Amino acid sequence: MSAEPTVKAHSRPITNVGQAKSLARNLTVVLTCARGCLGYTAVLEAVVHTHYNRSMKTAVIPQVRVEPELRADLDSVLLPGETLTEFVEASVRRAIEFRRVQTDFTARCDASLAEYERTGISIPSDLVLSKLEAKIAARVKQLRK
């Protein structure tokens, strides 16, 4: 009896041709072993390539000139198999999300201040802090289970 091959699903979309080809090769091996048929290879590679082309990126981030030391630091922290492009894209996405969170927080603060100035009603800081501490305690308790 042969063991059934297992396939681990990817939770993130394929972001470059190298990943698409690698995934196609891995799936080809699994399907070939599972079905004993080499015809899956061409079909699978075509499907993965088509999926990649449909979601292909078309916009370009401008090239950035940096000091050689910064580039060396960057190269030293890349994960095995990670490209500079992948690192830069992930960093830009995190920076965008951080800025959005910052902007939303500032908007909520401004709205809260305007509401206080309009009504003169506020929530005592002791009450706010005690609610936050209760949320933290509940989360810690949940994580320790």
C-alpha atoms as a PDB file:
ATOM      1  CA  MET A   1       0.000   0.000   0.000  1.00  0.00           C
ATOM      2  CA  SER A   2       1.247   3.497  -0.805  1.00  0.00           C
ATOM      3  CA  ALA A   3       0.706   6.443   1.468  1.00  0.00           C
ATOM      4  CA  GLU A   4      -1.706   9.106   0.297  1.00  0.00           C
ATOM      5  CA  PRO A   5       0.107  12.346  -0.570  1.00  0.00           C
ATOM      6  CA  THR A   6      -0.904  15.393   1.382  1.00  0.00           C
ATOM      7  CA  VAL A   7      -1.262  18.906   0.029  1.00  0.00           C
ATOM      8  CA  LYS A   8      -1.024  21.944   2.273  1.00  0.00           C
ATOM      9  CA  ALA A   9      -3.307  24.746   1.127  1.00  0.00           C
ATOM     10  CA  HIS A  10      -1.845  28.220   0.697  1.00  0.00           C
ATOM     11  CA  SER A  11      -3.692  30.982   2.531  1.00  0.00           C
ATOM     12  CA  ARG A  12      -1.993  33.772   0.599  1.00  0.00           C
ATOM     13  CA  PRO A  13      -2.333  34.481  -3.137  1.00  0.00           C
ATOM     14  CA  ILE A  14       0.565  33.654  -5.433  1.00  0.00           C
ATOM     15  CA  THR A  15       2.569  36.845  -5.920  1.00  0.00           C
ATOM     16  CA  ASN A  16       5.195  36.022  -8.541  1.00  0.00           C
ATOM     17  CA  VAL A  17       5.986  33.684 -11.411  1.00  0.00           C
ATOM     18  CA  GLY A  18       8.604  31.810  -9.358  1.00  0.00           C
ATOM     19  CA  GLN A  19       6.029  30.956  -6.700  1.00  0.00           C
ATOM     20  CA  ALA A  20       3.537  29.912  -9.371  1.00  0.00           C
ATOM     21  CA  LYS A  21       6.026  27.600 -11.074  1.00  0.00           C
ATOM     22  CA  SER A  22       7.171  26.154  -7.755  1.00  0.00           C
ATOM     23  CA  LEU A  23       3.580  25.493  -6.725  1.00  0.00           C
ATOM     24  CA  ALA A  24       2.876  23.921 -10.094  1.00  0.00           C
ATOM     25  CA  ARG A  25       5.887  21.610  -9.742  1.00  0.00           C
ATOM     26  CA  ASN A  26       4.887  20.590  -6.210  1.00  0.00           C
ATOM     27  CA  LEU A  27       1.285  19.932  -7.186  1.00  0.00           C
ATOM     28  CA  THR A  28       2.438  18.069 -10.283  1.00  0.00           C
ATOM     29  CA  VAL A  29       4.506  15.709  -8.162  1.00  0.00           C
ATOM     30  CA  VAL A  30       1.588  15.132  -5.794  1.00  0.00           C
ATOM     31  CA  LEU A  31      -0.906  14.567  -8.606  1.00  0.00           C
ATOM     32  CA  THR A  32       1.503  12.393 -10.563  1.00  0.00           C
ATOM     33  CA  CYS A  33       2.124  10.217  -7.504  1.00  0.00           C
ATOM     34  CA  ALA A  34      -1.571  10.103  -6.686  1.00  0.00           C
ATOM     35  CA  ARG A  35      -2.845   9.394 -10.184  1.00  0.00           C
ATOM     36  CA  GLY A  36       0.136   7.800 -11.881  1.00  0.00           C
ATOM     37  CA  CYS A  37      -0.438  10.022 -14.898  1.00  0.00           C
ATOM     38  CA  LEU A  38       2.035  12.507 -16.351  1.00  0.00           C
ATOM     39  CA  GLY A  39      -0.701  14.300 -18.335  1.00  0.00           C
ATOM     40  CA  TYR A  40      -1.530  16.396 -15.284  1.00  0.00           C
ATOM     41  CA  THR A  41       1.769  18.277 -15.562  1.00  0.00           C
ATOM     42  CA  ALA A  42       0.989  20.458 -18.572  1.00  0.00           C
ATOM     43  CA  VAL A  43      -2.591  21.105 -17.488  1.00  0.00           C
ATOM     44  CA  LEU A  44      -1.612  22.066 -13.966  1.00  0.00           C
ATOM     45  CA  GLU A  45       1.183  24.392 -15.061  1.00  0.00           C
ATOM     46  CA  ALA A  46      -1.214  26.102 -17.498  1.00  0.00           C
ATOM     47  CA  VAL A  47      -3.839  26.565 -14.780  1.00  0.00           C
ATOM     48  CA  VAL A  48      -1.356  28.009 -12.285  1.00  0.00           C
ATOM     49  CA  HIS A  49       0.188  30.266 -14.928  1.00  0.00           C
ATOM     50  CA  THR A  50      -3.276  31.514 -15.993  1.00  0.00           C
ATOM     51  CA  HIS A  51      -4.162  32.221 -12.342  1.00  0.00           C
ATOM     52  CA  TYR A  52      -0.969  34.204 -11.927  1.00  0.00           C
ATOM     53  CA  ASN A  53      -1.444  36.198 -15.141  1.00  0.00           C
ATOM     54  CA  ARG A  54      -4.988  37.165 -14.148  1.00  0.00           C
ATOM     55  CA  SER A  55      -3.754  38.726 -10.904  1.00  0.00           C
ATOM     56  CA  MET A  56      -0.443  40.039 -12.264  1.00  0.00           C
ATOM     57  CA  LYS A  57       0.709  43.348 -10.895  1.00  0.00           C
ATOM     58  CA  THR A  58       0.929  46.219 -13.349  1.00  0.00           C
ATOM     59  CA  ALA A  59       1.881  49.220 -11.211  1.00  0.00           C
ATOM     60  CA  VAL A  60       5.490  49.944 -10.280  1.00  0.00           C
ATOM     61  CA  ILE A  61       6.896  51.516  -7.122  1.00  0.00           C
ATOM     62  CA  PRO A  62       9.690  53.974  -7.934  1.00  0.00           C
ATOM     63  CA  GLN A  63      13.248  52.815  -7.481  1.00  0.00           C
ATOM     64  CA  VAL A  64      14.803  54.060  -4.242  1.00  0.00           C
ATOM     65  CA  ARG A  65      18.464  54.940  -3.891  1.00  0.00           C
ATOM     66  CA  VAL A  66      19.955  54.081  -0.495  1.00  0.00           C
ATOM     67  CA  GLU A  67      23.337  53.943   1.178  1.00  0.00           C
ATOM     68  CA  PRO A  68      25.295  50.708   0.635  1.00  0.00           C
ATOM     69  CA  GLU A  69      25.093  50.004   4.391  1.00  0.00           C
ATOM     70  CA  LEU A  70      21.278  50.066   4.345  1.00  0.00           C
ATOM     71  CA  ARG A  71      21.221  47.728   1.340  1.00  0.00           C
ATOM     72  CA  ALA A  72      23.624  45.358   3.126  1.00  0.00           C
ATOM     73  CA  ASP A  73      21.414  45.443   6.239  1.00  0.00           C
ATOM     74  CA  LEU A  74      18.397  44.677   4.075  1.00  0.00           C
ATOM     75  CA  ASP A  75      20.120  41.750   2.372  1.00  0.00           C
ATOM     76  CA  SER A  76      21.164  40.371   5.757  1.00  0.00           C
ATOM     77  CA  VAL A  77      17.570  40.137   7.048  1.00  0.00           C
ATOM     78  CA  LEU A  78      15.936  38.559   4.003  1.00  0.00           C
ATOM     79  CA  LEU A  79      14.470  35.152   4.782  1.00  0.00           C
ATOM     80  CA  PRO A  80      15.697  32.123   2.830  1.00  0.00           C
ATOM     81  CA  GLY A  81      14.038  32.226  -0.587  1.00  0.00           C
ATOM     82  CA  GLU A  82      12.638  35.726  -0.017  1.00  0.00           C
ATOM     83  CA  THR A  83      13.329  38.270  -2.725  1.00  0.00           C
ATOM     84  CA  LEU A  84      14.005  41.954  -2.284  1.00  0.00           C
ATOM     85  CA  THR A  85      10.801  42.670  -4.214  1.00  0.00           C
ATOM     86  CA  GLU A  86       8.719  40.519  -1.849  1.00  0.00           C
ATOM     87  CA  PHE A  87      10.301  42.213   1.177  1.00  0.00           C
ATOM     88  CA  VAL A  88       9.656  45.705  -0.186  1.00  0.00           C
ATOM     89  CA  GLU A  89       6.063  44.866  -1.144  1.00  0.00           C
ATOM     90  CA  ALA A  90       5.324  43.412   2.310  1.00  0.00           C
ATOM     91  CA  SER A  91       6.921  46.434   3.988  1.00  0.00           C
ATOM     92  CA  VAL A  92       4.909  48.882   1.901  1.00  0.00           C
ATOM     93  CA  ARG A  93       1.681  46.992   2.651  1.00  0.00           C
ATOM     94  CA  ARG A  94       2.406  47.105   6.415  1.00  0.00           C
ATOM     95  CA  ALA A  95       3.247  50.827   6.243  1.00  0.00           C
ATOM     96  CA  ILE A  96       0.002  51.553   4.393  1.00  0.00           C
ATOM     97  CA  GLU A  97      -2.029  49.595   6.961  1.00  0.00           C
ATOM     98  CA  PHE A  98      -0.244  51.400   9.814  1.00  0.00           C
ATOM     99  CA  ARG A  99      -1.012  54.791   8.265  1.00  0.00           C
ATOM    100  CA  ARG A 100      -4.674  53.834   7.811  1.00  0.00           C
ATOM    101  CA  VAL A 101      -4.921  52.772  11.456  1.00  0.00           C
ATOM    102  CA  GLN A 102      -3.230  56.028  12.501  1.00  0.00           C
ATOM    103  CA  THR A 103      -5.598  58.112  10.374  1.00  0.00           C
ATOM    104  CA  ASP A 104      -8.679  56.288  11.698  1.00  0.00           C
ATOM    105  CA  PHE A 105      -7.482  56.727  15.287  1.00  0.00           C
ATOM    106  CA  THR A 106      -6.891  60.442  14.759  1.00  0.00           C
ATOM    107  CA  ALA A 107     -10.358  60.824  13.218  1.00  0.00           C
ATOM    108  CA  ARG A 108     -11.968  59.074  16.206  1.00  0.00           C
ATOM    109  CA  CYS A 109     -10.007  61.292  18.607  1.00  0.00           C
ATOM    110  CA  ASP A 110     -11.067  64.435  16.765  1.00  0.00           C
ATOM    111  CA  ALA A 111     -14.721  63.304  16.741  1.00  0.00           C
ATOM    112  CA  SER A 112     -14.580  62.506  20.451  1.00  0.00           C
ATOM    113  CA  LEU A 113     -13.055  65.888  21.271  1.00  0.00           C
ATOM    114  CA  ALA A 114     -15.659  67.675  19.134  1.00  0.00           C
ATOM    115  CA  GLU A 115     -18.445  65.744  20.913  1.00  0.00           C
ATOM    116  CA  TYR A 116     -17.004  66.724  24.308  1.00  0.00           C
ATOM    117  CA  GLU A 117     -16.716  70.372  23.288  1.00  0.00           C
ATOM    118  CA  ARG A 118     -20.292  70.313  21.969  1.00  0.00           C
ATOM    119  CA  THR A 119     -21.890  68.568  24.988  1.00  0.00           C
ATOM    120  CA  GLY A 120     -19.418  69.015  27.837  1.00  0.00           C
ATOM    121  CA  ILE A 121     -19.967  65.342  28.736  1.00  0.00           C
ATOM    122  CA  SER A 122     -16.976  63.058  29.047  1.00  0.00           C
ATOM    123  CA  ILE A 123     -16.147  59.633  30.439  1.00  0.00           C
ATOM    124  CA  PRO A 124     -13.834  59.658  33.480  1.00  0.00           C
ATOM    125  CA  SER A 125     -10.379  58.277  32.729  1.00  0.00           C
ATOM    126  CA  ASP A 126     -10.622  55.825  35.676  1.00  0.00           C
ATOM    127  CA  LEU A 127     -13.658  54.200  34.043  1.00  0.00           C
ATOM    128  CA  VAL A 128     -11.945  53.996  30.642  1.00  0.00           C
ATOM    129  CA  LEU A 129      -8.806  52.455  32.156  1.00  0.00           C
ATOM    130  CA  SER A 130     -10.763  49.928  34.205  1.00  0.00           C
ATOM    131  CA  LYS A 131     -12.668  48.808  31.077  1.00  0.00           C
ATOM    132  CA  LEU A 132      -9.387  48.421  29.187  1.00  0.00           C
ATOM    133  CA  GLU A 133      -7.839  46.442  32.046  1.00  0.00           C
ATOM    134  CA  ALA A 134     -10.892  44.159  32.112  1.00  0.00           C
ATOM    135  CA  LYS A 135     -10.552  43.536  28.368  1.00  0.00           C
ATOM    136  CA  ILE A 136      -6.871  42.719  28.772  1.00  0.00           C
ATOM    137  CA  ALA A 137      -7.548  40.374  31.691  1.00  0.00           C
ATOM    138  CA  ALA A 138     -10.276  38.574  29.722  1.00  0.00           C
ATOM    139  CA  ARG A 139      -7.977  38.151  26.713  1.00  0.00           C
ATOM    140  CA  VAL A 140      -5.105  36.870  28.881  1.00  0.00           C
ATOM    141  CA  LYS A 141      -7.470  34.382  30.497  1.00  0.00           C
ATOM    142  CA  GLN A 142      -8.673  33.245  27.072  1.00  0.00           C
ATOM    143  CA  LEU A 143      -5.119  32.807  25.773  1.00  0.00           C
ATOM    144  CA  ARG A 144      -4.067  30.757  28.819  1.00  0.00           C
ATOM    145  CA  LYS A 145      -6.801  28.158  28.242  1.00  0.00           C
END
